[in-house]
Amino acid sequence: MTKQYHDHVLSDAALGQLFNDARTYNGWLDKDVSQDQLHMIWDLLKMAPTSANMQPVRIVWVKSEEQKAKLVECASEGNQDKIKAAPVTAVIGYDIDFHEELPWLFPHADAKSWFEGDEDGRKEGAFRNSSLQGAYLILAARAVGLDCGPMSGFDEDKVNEAFFGDEPRHRVNFICSIGYGDPETIFDRSPRPEFNKFNSIV
């Protein structure tokens, strides 16, 4: 199959939906997010790059009222109402033993052996690459017409126990509410730096 090279930029509307007009929401409209939409998010984010295709992210999509209540108990006071009102909140975690899946995820080399016996290295790789995948999740959700409210502000141990208790080698990275954002709940746009403030070309 011939690779197609694209030399055009996305439309202003598309760039706005993903970046320029997208916002972090603190409240949500009373409108459901379907399981099909969650599958659409996954099917997009999984295509984006991770080191050796390690795919360390492990996501629990918290949708039921019972599970929302559990997550609320793990969250800081300022985040509790956001979780209660959101149609779904993704608990974005990572698997310390992601290397066990590498024989089929990266069949081009014996990638599993690169990580065996190096748990600290696996933790570092899993955290870094699950952070990437969490960012891909936000962009994928926006791409399918949803809004996001990513958060820290939770008790890590409580979240791990509540949502990864059956998988003790999984750890939470951050959480992200997903739905249709209530425009009344956003702040004024915070400043964004110009290129020269934090960049250099060498």
N, C-alpha and C. Protein backbone atom coordinates (compact mmCIF):
# COMPACT_ATOMS: atom_id res chain seq x y z
N MET A 1 0.85 -1.20 0.00
CA MET A 1 0.00 0.00 0.00
C MET A 1 0.89 1.25 0.00
N THR A 2 0.60 2.17 -0.86
CA THR A 2 1.39 3.39 -0.95
C THR A 2 1.02 4.33 0.18
N LYS A 3 2.04 4.82 0.89
CA LYS A 3 1.80 5.77 1.96
C LYS A 3 1.35 7.10 1.37
N GLN A 4 0.33 7.67 1.95
CA GLN A 4 -0.16 8.96 1.51
C GLN A 4 0.43 10.05 2.41
N TYR A 5 1.14 10.98 1.82
CA TYR A 5 1.72 12.09 2.57
C TYR A 5 0.80 13.30 2.44
N HIS A 6 0.54 13.92 3.58
CA HIS A 6 -0.38 15.06 3.60
C HIS A 6 0.42 16.32 3.93
N ASP A 7 0.29 17.33 3.10
CA ASP A 7 1.03 18.56 3.32
C ASP A 7 0.10 19.71 3.69
N HIS A 8 -1.12 19.39 4.10
CA HIS A 8 -2.05 20.45 4.45
C HIS A 8 -2.35 20.42 5.95
N VAL A 9 -2.68 21.58 6.47
CA VAL A 9 -3.04 21.73 7.87
C VAL A 9 -4.54 21.46 8.02
N LEU A 10 -4.94 20.97 9.17
CA LEU A 10 -6.35 20.80 9.45
C LEU A 10 -7.08 22.14 9.33
N SER A 11 -8.36 22.08 9.11
CA SER A 11 -9.16 23.30 9.00
C SER A 11 -9.15 24.07 10.32
N ASP A 12 -9.45 25.35 10.25
CA ASP A 12 -9.54 26.16 11.47
C ASP A 12 -10.58 25.59 12.43
N ALA A 13 -11.66 25.05 11.87
CA ALA A 13 -12.70 24.47 12.72
C ALA A 13 -12.17 23.25 13.47
N ALA A 14 -11.42 22.41 12.77
CA ALA A 14 -10.86 21.22 13.41
C ALA A 14 -9.82 21.59 14.46
N LEU A 15 -8.95 22.54 14.14
CA LEU A 15 -7.95 22.98 15.11
C LEU A 15 -8.61 23.64 16.32
N GLY A 16 -9.70 24.35 16.07
CA GLY A 16 -10.43 24.94 17.18
C GLY A 16 -11.03 23.89 18.09
N GLN A 17 -11.62 22.85 17.49
CA GLN A 17 -12.24 21.79 18.28
C GLN A 17 -11.23 21.03 19.12
N LEU A 18 -10.03 20.84 18.60
CA LEU A 18 -9.01 20.07 19.32
C LEU A 18 -8.21 20.93 20.28
N PHE A 19 -7.92 22.19 19.89
CA PHE A 19 -6.97 22.99 20.65
C PHE A 19 -7.48 24.40 20.96
N ASN A 20 -7.66 25.22 19.93
CA ASN A 20 -7.77 26.66 20.13
C ASN A 20 -9.04 27.10 20.84
N ASP A 21 -10.14 26.42 20.58
CA ASP A 21 -11.40 26.78 21.23
C ASP A 21 -11.78 25.81 22.34
N ALA A 22 -11.07 24.70 22.44
CA ALA A 22 -11.39 23.69 23.47
C ALA A 22 -11.02 24.22 24.84
N ARG A 23 -11.79 23.83 25.83
CA ARG A 23 -11.57 24.32 27.19
C ARG A 23 -11.65 23.17 28.18
N THR A 24 -11.12 23.42 29.39
CA THR A 24 -11.28 22.49 30.50
C THR A 24 -12.56 22.85 31.24
N TYR A 25 -13.47 21.88 31.35
CA TYR A 25 -14.78 22.14 31.95
C TYR A 25 -14.82 21.69 33.39
N ASN A 26 -15.54 22.49 34.18
CA ASN A 26 -15.73 22.19 35.60
C ASN A 26 -17.14 21.73 35.92
N GLY A 27 -18.02 21.74 34.94
CA GLY A 27 -19.40 21.29 35.11
C GLY A 27 -19.93 20.77 33.79
N TRP A 28 -21.07 20.07 33.87
CA TRP A 28 -21.51 19.28 32.74
C TRP A 28 -23.00 19.42 32.50
N LEU A 29 -23.38 19.39 31.23
CA LEU A 29 -24.78 19.35 30.87
C LEU A 29 -25.34 17.95 31.14
N ASP A 30 -26.63 17.88 31.36
CA ASP A 30 -27.28 16.61 31.67
C ASP A 30 -27.53 15.85 30.36
N LYS A 31 -26.46 15.31 29.83
CA LYS A 31 -26.51 14.61 28.55
C LYS A 31 -25.56 13.43 28.63
N ASP A 32 -26.04 12.26 28.27
CA ASP A 32 -25.28 11.03 28.48
C ASP A 32 -24.15 10.89 27.47
N VAL A 33 -23.14 10.14 27.87
CA VAL A 33 -22.08 9.68 26.97
C VAL A 33 -22.24 8.17 26.84
N SER A 34 -22.35 7.70 25.62
CA SER A 34 -22.66 6.28 25.39
C SER A 34 -21.40 5.42 25.44
N GLN A 35 -21.61 4.12 25.61
CA GLN A 35 -20.49 3.19 25.52
C GLN A 35 -19.86 3.21 24.13
N ASP A 36 -20.68 3.40 23.11
CA ASP A 36 -20.13 3.50 21.76
C ASP A 36 -19.14 4.66 21.65
N GLN A 37 -19.46 5.78 22.29
CA GLN A 37 -18.55 6.92 22.26
C GLN A 37 -17.24 6.61 22.98
N LEU A 38 -17.33 5.88 24.09
CA LEU A 38 -16.11 5.50 24.80
C LEU A 38 -15.26 4.58 23.95
N HIS A 39 -15.89 3.67 23.21
CA HIS A 39 -15.15 2.81 22.30
C HIS A 39 -14.49 3.63 21.19
N MET A 40 -15.18 4.66 20.71
CA MET A 40 -14.60 5.53 19.69
C MET A 40 -13.35 6.23 20.22
N ILE A 41 -13.42 6.71 21.46
CA ILE A 41 -12.25 7.35 22.07
C ILE A 41 -11.08 6.37 22.11
N TRP A 42 -11.34 5.15 22.59
CA TRP A 42 -10.28 4.16 22.69
C TRP A 42 -9.69 3.84 21.31
N ASP A 43 -10.55 3.68 20.33
CA ASP A 43 -10.08 3.28 19.01
C ASP A 43 -9.22 4.37 18.35
N LEU A 44 -9.37 5.62 18.79
CA LEU A 44 -8.48 6.67 18.32
C LEU A 44 -7.19 6.73 19.13
N LEU A 45 -7.31 6.75 20.45
CA LEU A 45 -6.11 6.96 21.27
C LEU A 45 -5.12 5.81 21.13
N LYS A 46 -5.60 4.60 20.90
CA LYS A 46 -4.69 3.46 20.81
C LYS A 46 -3.79 3.53 19.58
N MET A 47 -4.17 4.34 18.59
CA MET A 47 -3.39 4.45 17.36
C MET A 47 -2.20 5.39 17.49
N ALA A 48 -2.17 6.20 18.53
CA ALA A 48 -1.09 7.17 18.70
C ALA A 48 0.14 6.49 19.30
N PRO A 49 1.32 7.07 19.12
CA PRO A 49 2.55 6.36 19.46
C PRO A 49 2.84 6.23 20.94
N THR A 50 3.38 5.06 21.31
CA THR A 50 4.02 4.84 22.59
C THR A 50 5.33 4.10 22.32
N SER A 51 6.24 4.16 23.25
CA SER A 51 7.54 3.52 23.08
C SER A 51 7.36 2.02 22.88
N ALA A 52 7.90 1.51 21.78
CA ALA A 52 7.80 0.08 21.45
C ALA A 52 6.35 -0.40 21.48
N ASN A 53 5.43 0.51 21.18
CA ASN A 53 3.99 0.18 21.20
C ASN A 53 3.61 -0.49 22.52
N MET A 54 4.17 -0.02 23.63
CA MET A 54 3.97 -0.71 24.92
C MET A 54 2.54 -0.59 25.46
N GLN A 55 1.80 0.44 25.05
CA GLN A 55 0.39 0.55 25.44
C GLN A 55 0.18 0.27 26.94
N PRO A 56 0.84 1.01 27.83
CA PRO A 56 0.74 0.69 29.26
C PRO A 56 -0.52 1.20 29.92
N VAL A 57 -1.29 2.06 29.24
CA VAL A 57 -2.45 2.66 29.89
C VAL A 57 -3.50 1.60 30.21
N ARG A 58 -4.11 1.73 31.37
CA ARG A 58 -5.25 0.90 31.78
C ARG A 58 -6.31 1.86 32.28
N ILE A 59 -7.48 1.84 31.65
CA ILE A 59 -8.51 2.84 31.93
C ILE A 59 -9.73 2.17 32.53
N VAL A 60 -10.22 2.75 33.61
CA VAL A 60 -11.52 2.39 34.16
C VAL A 60 -12.45 3.56 33.89
N TRP A 61 -13.51 3.30 33.14
CA TRP A 61 -14.48 4.34 32.78
C TRP A 61 -15.58 4.31 33.84
N VAL A 62 -15.60 5.29 34.69
CA VAL A 62 -16.52 5.32 35.84
C VAL A 62 -17.81 5.99 35.39
N LYS A 63 -18.87 5.18 35.27
CA LYS A 63 -20.12 5.65 34.68
C LYS A 63 -21.32 5.46 35.60
N SER A 64 -21.36 4.38 36.35
CA SER A 64 -22.51 4.10 37.20
C SER A 64 -22.50 5.00 38.44
N GLU A 65 -23.68 5.24 38.98
CA GLU A 65 -23.77 6.09 40.18
C GLU A 65 -23.01 5.46 41.34
N GLU A 66 -23.06 4.16 41.46
CA GLU A 66 -22.36 3.47 42.55
C GLU A 66 -20.86 3.70 42.46
N GLN A 67 -20.30 3.56 41.27
CA GLN A 67 -18.86 3.73 41.11
C GLN A 67 -18.44 5.20 41.17
N LYS A 68 -19.32 6.09 40.70
CA LYS A 68 -19.04 7.52 40.86
C LYS A 68 -18.90 7.87 42.34
N ALA A 69 -19.80 7.32 43.16
CA ALA A 69 -19.74 7.60 44.60
C ALA A 69 -18.42 7.14 45.19
N LYS A 70 -17.91 6.01 44.73
CA LYS A 70 -16.60 5.52 45.20
C LYS A 70 -15.49 6.48 44.80
N LEU A 71 -15.55 6.96 43.58
CA LEU A 71 -14.51 7.87 43.11
C LEU A 71 -14.58 9.21 43.84
N VAL A 72 -15.79 9.68 44.08
CA VAL A 72 -15.96 10.93 44.83
C VAL A 72 -15.28 10.85 46.18
N GLU A 73 -15.38 9.70 46.85
CA GLU A 73 -14.76 9.52 48.16
C GLU A 73 -13.24 9.59 48.09
N CYS A 74 -12.68 9.38 46.92
CA CYS A 74 -11.22 9.42 46.75
C CYS A 74 -10.72 10.81 46.34
N ALA A 75 -11.64 11.71 45.98
CA ALA A 75 -11.27 12.98 45.37
C ALA A 75 -11.23 14.10 46.40
N SER A 76 -10.45 15.13 46.09
CA SER A 76 -10.43 16.32 46.92
C SER A 76 -11.79 17.02 46.84
N GLU A 77 -12.07 17.84 47.84
CA GLU A 77 -13.39 18.48 47.93
C GLU A 77 -13.71 19.28 46.67
N GLY A 78 -12.71 19.95 46.12
CA GLY A 78 -12.95 20.79 44.95
C GLY A 78 -13.27 20.01 43.69
N ASN A 79 -12.99 18.72 43.68
CA ASN A 79 -13.25 17.90 42.49
C ASN A 79 -14.50 17.03 42.62
N GLN A 80 -15.07 16.96 43.80
CA GLN A 80 -16.15 16.00 44.02
C GLN A 80 -17.39 16.31 43.20
N ASP A 81 -17.80 17.57 43.16
CA ASP A 81 -19.00 17.91 42.38
C ASP A 81 -18.78 17.70 40.88
N LYS A 82 -17.55 17.92 40.42
CA LYS A 82 -17.25 17.71 39.00
C LYS A 82 -17.47 16.24 38.63
N ILE A 83 -17.02 15.35 39.50
CA ILE A 83 -17.17 13.92 39.23
C ILE A 83 -18.63 13.51 39.32
N LYS A 84 -19.34 14.02 40.32
CA LYS A 84 -20.76 13.68 40.47
C LYS A 84 -21.56 14.05 39.24
N ALA A 85 -21.28 15.21 38.66
CA ALA A 85 -22.10 15.72 37.56
C ALA A 85 -21.69 15.15 36.20
N ALA A 86 -20.48 14.64 36.08
CA ALA A 86 -19.99 14.18 34.78
C ALA A 86 -20.66 12.87 34.38
N PRO A 87 -21.00 12.71 33.11
CA PRO A 87 -21.55 11.43 32.65
C PRO A 87 -20.59 10.27 32.86
N VAL A 88 -19.30 10.55 32.71
CA VAL A 88 -18.28 9.51 32.90
C VAL A 88 -16.97 10.17 33.29
N THR A 89 -16.22 9.51 34.16
CA THR A 89 -14.87 9.96 34.49
C THR A 89 -13.91 8.80 34.26
N ALA A 90 -12.89 9.05 33.47
CA ALA A 90 -11.90 8.03 33.18
C ALA A 90 -10.81 8.05 34.24
N VAL A 91 -10.61 6.90 34.88
CA VAL A 91 -9.46 6.72 35.76
C VAL A 91 -8.33 6.17 34.88
N ILE A 92 -7.36 7.01 34.62
CA ILE A 92 -6.30 6.68 33.68
C ILE A 92 -5.12 6.14 34.48
N GLY A 93 -4.89 4.86 34.35
CA GLY A 93 -3.82 4.21 35.09
C GLY A 93 -2.78 3.61 34.17
N TYR A 94 -1.84 2.89 34.77
CA TYR A 94 -0.81 2.23 33.98
C TYR A 94 -0.44 0.90 34.64
N ASP A 95 0.05 0.00 33.81
CA ASP A 95 0.42 -1.34 34.24
C ASP A 95 1.94 -1.43 34.34
N ILE A 96 2.43 -1.67 35.56
CA ILE A 96 3.87 -1.79 35.76
C ILE A 96 4.43 -2.98 34.98
N ASP A 97 3.61 -3.98 34.77
CA ASP A 97 4.06 -5.18 34.05
C ASP A 97 3.58 -5.19 32.60
N PHE A 98 3.56 -4.02 31.99
CA PHE A 98 3.14 -3.91 30.59
C PHE A 98 3.97 -4.79 29.67
N HIS A 99 5.22 -5.09 30.08
CA HIS A 99 6.12 -5.82 29.20
C HIS A 99 5.63 -7.23 28.89
N GLU A 100 4.73 -7.76 29.74
CA GLU A 100 4.19 -9.10 29.49
C GLU A 100 3.38 -9.14 28.19
N GLU A 101 2.89 -8.00 27.74
CA GLU A 101 2.07 -7.94 26.52
C GLU A 101 2.91 -7.64 25.27
N LEU A 102 4.18 -7.36 25.44
CA LEU A 102 4.99 -6.92 24.31
C LEU A 102 5.20 -7.98 23.22
N PRO A 103 5.22 -9.27 23.54
CA PRO A 103 5.40 -10.23 22.44
C PRO A 103 4.40 -10.09 21.31
N TRP A 104 3.15 -9.71 21.63
CA TRP A 104 2.18 -9.51 20.53
C TRP A 104 2.04 -8.03 20.16
N LEU A 105 2.31 -7.11 21.09
CA LEU A 105 2.19 -5.69 20.76
C LEU A 105 3.37 -5.19 19.93
N PHE A 106 4.55 -5.80 20.14
CA PHE A 106 5.75 -5.37 19.41
C PHE A 106 6.51 -6.61 18.95
N PRO A 107 5.98 -7.30 17.93
CA PRO A 107 6.56 -8.58 17.51
C PRO A 107 7.85 -8.46 16.71
N HIS A 108 8.31 -7.22 16.48
CA HIS A 108 9.48 -7.01 15.63
C HIS A 108 10.79 -7.36 16.33
N ALA A 109 10.74 -7.46 17.66
CA ALA A 109 11.96 -7.75 18.42
C ALA A 109 11.54 -8.37 19.75
N ASP A 110 12.52 -8.88 20.48
CA ASP A 110 12.24 -9.44 21.80
C ASP A 110 12.18 -8.31 22.82
N ALA A 111 11.17 -7.46 22.67
CA ALA A 111 11.08 -6.26 23.51
C ALA A 111 10.81 -6.59 24.97
N LYS A 112 10.15 -7.70 25.22
CA LYS A 112 9.89 -8.07 26.62
C LYS A 112 11.18 -8.16 27.42
N SER A 113 12.22 -8.70 26.81
CA SER A 113 13.49 -8.89 27.52
C SER A 113 14.15 -7.56 27.88
N TRP A 114 13.80 -6.49 27.18
CA TRP A 114 14.39 -5.19 27.48
C TRP A 114 13.99 -4.70 28.87
N PHE A 115 12.84 -5.16 29.35
CA PHE A 115 12.27 -4.62 30.58
C PHE A 115 12.28 -5.62 31.73
N GLU A 116 12.58 -6.87 31.46
CA GLU A 116 12.58 -7.87 32.52
C GLU A 116 13.70 -7.57 33.52
N GLY A 117 13.37 -7.69 34.81
CA GLY A 117 14.36 -7.45 35.85
C GLY A 117 14.64 -5.99 36.13
N ASP A 118 13.89 -5.08 35.52
CA ASP A 118 14.10 -3.63 35.70
C ASP A 118 12.77 -2.97 36.04
N GLU A 119 12.28 -3.21 37.25
CA GLU A 119 10.98 -2.67 37.62
C GLU A 119 10.99 -1.15 37.66
N ASP A 120 12.07 -0.55 38.13
CA ASP A 120 12.12 0.92 38.16
C ASP A 120 12.03 1.48 36.74
N GLY A 121 12.72 0.84 35.80
CA GLY A 121 12.63 1.29 34.42
C GLY A 121 11.23 1.11 33.85
N ARG A 122 10.57 0.02 34.23
CA ARG A 122 9.20 -0.20 33.76
C ARG A 122 8.25 0.85 34.34
N LYS A 123 8.43 1.17 35.62
CA LYS A 123 7.57 2.20 36.23
C LYS A 123 7.72 3.53 35.51
N GLU A 124 8.97 3.88 35.22
CA GLU A 124 9.23 5.15 34.52
C GLU A 124 8.61 5.13 33.13
N GLY A 125 8.82 4.05 32.39
CA GLY A 125 8.27 3.95 31.04
C GLY A 125 6.75 3.92 31.05
N ALA A 126 6.18 3.19 32.00
CA ALA A 126 4.72 3.09 32.06
C ALA A 126 4.09 4.42 32.41
N PHE A 127 4.70 5.14 33.35
CA PHE A 127 4.14 6.45 33.73
C PHE A 127 4.25 7.43 32.58
N ARG A 128 5.41 7.49 31.93
CA ARG A 128 5.60 8.44 30.83
C ARG A 128 4.64 8.15 29.69
N ASN A 129 4.56 6.90 29.30
CA ASN A 129 3.75 6.57 28.13
C ASN A 129 2.26 6.57 28.43
N SER A 130 1.86 6.26 29.66
CA SER A 130 0.44 6.39 30.00
C SER A 130 0.04 7.86 30.09
N SER A 131 0.99 8.73 30.45
CA SER A 131 0.71 10.17 30.41
C SER A 131 0.45 10.62 28.98
N LEU A 132 1.27 10.13 28.05
CA LEU A 132 1.01 10.40 26.64
C LEU A 132 -0.38 9.91 26.24
N GLN A 133 -0.70 8.69 26.64
CA GLN A 133 -1.99 8.13 26.23
C GLN A 133 -3.15 8.87 26.88
N GLY A 134 -2.94 9.39 28.08
CA GLY A 134 -3.98 10.22 28.69
C GLY A 134 -4.21 11.50 27.91
N ALA A 135 -3.12 12.09 27.40
CA ALA A 135 -3.27 13.28 26.55
C ALA A 135 -3.96 12.92 25.24
N TYR A 136 -3.61 11.77 24.68
CA TYR A 136 -4.31 11.32 23.47
C TYR A 136 -5.80 11.14 23.74
N LEU A 137 -6.14 10.63 24.92
CA LEU A 137 -7.55 10.45 25.29
C LEU A 137 -8.29 11.78 25.22
N ILE A 138 -7.68 12.83 25.76
CA ILE A 138 -8.33 14.15 25.74
C ILE A 138 -8.58 14.60 24.31
N LEU A 139 -7.57 14.46 23.45
CA LEU A 139 -7.73 14.87 22.06
C LEU A 139 -8.75 13.99 21.34
N ALA A 140 -8.74 12.69 21.63
CA ALA A 140 -9.71 11.79 20.99
C ALA A 140 -11.13 12.15 21.42
N ALA A 141 -11.32 12.43 22.69
CA ALA A 141 -12.66 12.80 23.16
C ALA A 141 -13.13 14.08 22.48
N ARG A 142 -12.25 15.05 22.38
CA ARG A 142 -12.62 16.29 21.69
C ARG A 142 -12.91 16.02 20.22
N ALA A 143 -12.16 15.11 19.62
CA ALA A 143 -12.34 14.82 18.20
C ALA A 143 -13.70 14.22 17.91
N VAL A 144 -14.28 13.51 18.87
CA VAL A 144 -15.59 12.89 18.66
C VAL A 144 -16.71 13.76 19.23
N GLY A 145 -16.39 15.03 19.56
CA GLY A 145 -17.42 15.98 19.93
C GLY A 145 -17.69 16.11 21.41
N LEU A 146 -16.82 15.57 22.24
CA LEU A 146 -17.01 15.64 23.69
C LEU A 146 -16.04 16.64 24.30
N ASP A 147 -16.27 16.96 25.56
CA ASP A 147 -15.42 17.87 26.31
C ASP A 147 -14.77 17.13 27.47
N CYS A 148 -13.71 17.71 28.01
CA CYS A 148 -12.93 17.03 29.06
C CYS A 148 -12.66 17.96 30.24
N GLY A 149 -12.49 17.33 31.39
CA GLY A 149 -12.06 18.02 32.59
C GLY A 149 -11.02 17.20 33.31
N PRO A 150 -9.75 17.23 32.86
CA PRO A 150 -8.71 16.44 33.52
C PRO A 150 -8.41 16.97 34.91
N MET A 151 -8.07 16.05 35.83
CA MET A 151 -7.87 16.42 37.23
C MET A 151 -6.76 15.59 37.86
N SER A 152 -6.00 16.23 38.74
CA SER A 152 -5.33 15.52 39.81
C SER A 152 -6.21 15.80 41.04
N GLY A 153 -5.66 15.96 42.21
CA GLY A 153 -6.53 16.25 43.34
C GLY A 153 -7.33 15.05 43.79
N PHE A 154 -6.63 13.95 44.10
CA PHE A 154 -7.28 12.74 44.60
C PHE A 154 -6.26 11.98 45.44
N ASP A 155 -6.76 11.07 46.26
CA ASP A 155 -5.89 10.23 47.07
C ASP A 155 -5.49 9.02 46.23
N GLU A 156 -4.23 8.98 45.84
CA GLU A 156 -3.75 7.95 44.93
C GLU A 156 -3.97 6.55 45.48
N ASP A 157 -3.65 6.35 46.75
CA ASP A 157 -3.81 5.02 47.34
C ASP A 157 -5.27 4.59 47.35
N LYS A 158 -6.16 5.52 47.65
CA LYS A 158 -7.58 5.19 47.67
C LYS A 158 -8.09 4.83 46.28
N VAL A 159 -7.65 5.58 45.27
CA VAL A 159 -8.08 5.28 43.90
C VAL A 159 -7.55 3.92 43.47
N ASN A 160 -6.30 3.64 43.78
CA ASN A 160 -5.73 2.34 43.41
C ASN A 160 -6.50 1.20 44.07
N GLU A 161 -6.83 1.37 45.33
CA GLU A 161 -7.56 0.32 46.04
C GLU A 161 -8.97 0.16 45.49
N ALA A 162 -9.63 1.28 45.22
CA ALA A 162 -11.03 1.24 44.78
C ALA A 162 -11.18 0.73 43.36
N PHE A 163 -10.23 1.07 42.48
CA PHE A 163 -10.44 0.77 41.06
C PHE A 163 -9.41 -0.18 40.46
N PHE A 164 -8.30 -0.39 41.13
CA PHE A 164 -7.32 -1.34 40.64
C PHE A 164 -6.97 -2.38 41.71
N GLY A 165 -7.86 -2.55 42.68
CA GLY A 165 -7.58 -3.46 43.79
C GLY A 165 -7.36 -4.89 43.35
N ASP A 166 -8.03 -5.29 42.26
CA ASP A 166 -7.85 -6.65 41.73
C ASP A 166 -6.62 -6.77 40.84
N GLU A 167 -6.00 -5.64 40.55
CA GLU A 167 -4.81 -5.62 39.68
C GLU A 167 -3.72 -4.83 40.42
N PRO A 168 -3.06 -5.43 41.39
CA PRO A 168 -2.13 -4.67 42.24
C PRO A 168 -0.92 -4.11 41.52
N ARG A 169 -0.70 -4.50 40.27
CA ARG A 169 0.41 -3.94 39.50
C ARG A 169 -0.03 -2.75 38.65
N HIS A 170 -1.27 -2.33 38.82
CA HIS A 170 -1.77 -1.15 38.12
C HIS A 170 -1.77 0.03 39.09
N ARG A 171 -1.49 1.22 38.56
CA ARG A 171 -1.43 2.44 39.36
C ARG A 171 -2.15 3.56 38.61
N VAL A 172 -2.81 4.44 39.36
CA VAL A 172 -3.48 5.58 38.75
C VAL A 172 -2.45 6.63 38.36
N ASN A 173 -2.70 7.28 37.23
CA ASN A 173 -1.90 8.42 36.78
C ASN A 173 -2.68 9.70 37.04
N PHE A 174 -3.82 9.88 36.37
CA PHE A 174 -4.70 11.01 36.65
C PHE A 174 -6.11 10.61 36.26
N ILE A 175 -7.07 11.50 36.51
CA ILE A 175 -8.45 11.22 36.16
C ILE A 175 -8.96 12.32 35.23
N CYS A 176 -9.98 12.00 34.46
CA CYS A 176 -10.49 12.96 33.48
C CYS A 176 -11.98 12.75 33.28
N SER A 177 -12.76 13.74 33.66
CA SER A 177 -14.19 13.68 33.39
C SER A 177 -14.45 14.00 31.93
N ILE A 178 -15.49 13.37 31.39
CA ILE A 178 -15.81 13.47 29.96
C ILE A 178 -17.31 13.65 29.82
N GLY A 179 -17.70 14.55 28.96
CA GLY A 179 -19.12 14.76 28.71
C GLY A 179 -19.33 15.95 27.79
N TYR A 180 -20.47 16.60 27.97
CA TYR A 180 -20.79 17.82 27.23
C TYR A 180 -20.68 18.96 28.22
N GLY A 181 -19.63 19.77 28.06
CA GLY A 181 -19.32 20.78 29.06
C GLY A 181 -20.36 21.88 29.15
N ASP A 182 -20.60 22.32 30.36
CA ASP A 182 -21.48 23.46 30.62
C ASP A 182 -20.65 24.73 30.47
N PRO A 183 -20.95 25.56 29.47
CA PRO A 183 -20.11 26.75 29.23
C PRO A 183 -20.13 27.74 30.38
N GLU A 184 -21.10 27.62 31.28
CA GLU A 184 -21.15 28.52 32.44
C GLU A 184 -20.09 28.18 33.47
N THR A 185 -19.40 27.05 33.32
CA THR A 185 -18.49 26.58 34.36
C THR A 185 -17.02 26.77 34.02
N ILE A 186 -16.72 27.43 32.92
CA ILE A 186 -15.31 27.61 32.55
C ILE A 186 -14.83 28.98 33.01
N PHE A 187 -13.53 29.06 33.29
CA PHE A 187 -12.90 30.33 33.62
C PHE A 187 -12.57 31.08 32.35
N ASP A 188 -12.24 32.37 32.49
CA ASP A 188 -11.68 33.08 31.36
C ASP A 188 -10.39 32.38 30.94
N ARG A 189 -10.08 32.43 29.68
CA ARG A 189 -8.89 31.76 29.17
C ARG A 189 -7.64 32.30 29.86
N SER A 190 -6.86 31.40 30.43
CA SER A 190 -5.61 31.80 31.08
C SER A 190 -4.55 32.12 30.02
N PRO A 191 -3.52 32.90 30.40
CA PRO A 191 -2.50 33.27 29.42
C PRO A 191 -1.78 32.05 28.87
N ARG A 192 -1.37 32.16 27.63
CA ARG A 192 -0.56 31.15 26.98
C ARG A 192 0.72 31.82 26.48
N PRO A 193 1.88 31.21 26.68
CA PRO A 193 3.15 31.86 26.32
C PRO A 193 3.41 31.86 24.82
N GLU A 194 4.08 32.89 24.36
CA GLU A 194 4.57 32.92 22.99
C GLU A 194 5.74 31.95 22.85
N PHE A 195 6.08 31.61 21.63
CA PHE A 195 7.09 30.58 21.36
C PHE A 195 8.40 30.87 22.08
N ASN A 196 8.88 32.11 22.00
CA ASN A 196 10.21 32.42 22.52
C ASN A 196 10.31 32.37 24.03
N LYS A 197 9.17 32.33 24.70
CA LYS A 197 9.20 32.31 26.17
C LYS A 197 9.79 31.01 26.71
N PHE A 198 9.39 29.87 26.15
CA PHE A 198 9.80 28.58 26.69
C PHE A 198 10.43 27.66 25.65
N ASN A 199 10.82 28.19 24.51
CA ASN A 199 11.35 27.37 23.44
C ASN A 199 12.67 27.92 22.93
N SER A 200 13.48 27.04 22.37
CA SER A 200 14.66 27.45 21.65
C SER A 200 14.86 26.48 20.48
N ILE A 201 15.41 26.97 19.41
CA ILE A 201 15.76 26.15 18.26
C ILE A 201 17.28 26.15 18.15
N VAL A 202 17.88 25.00 18.19
CA VAL A 202 19.35 24.94 18.22
C VAL A 202 19.88 24.17 17.02
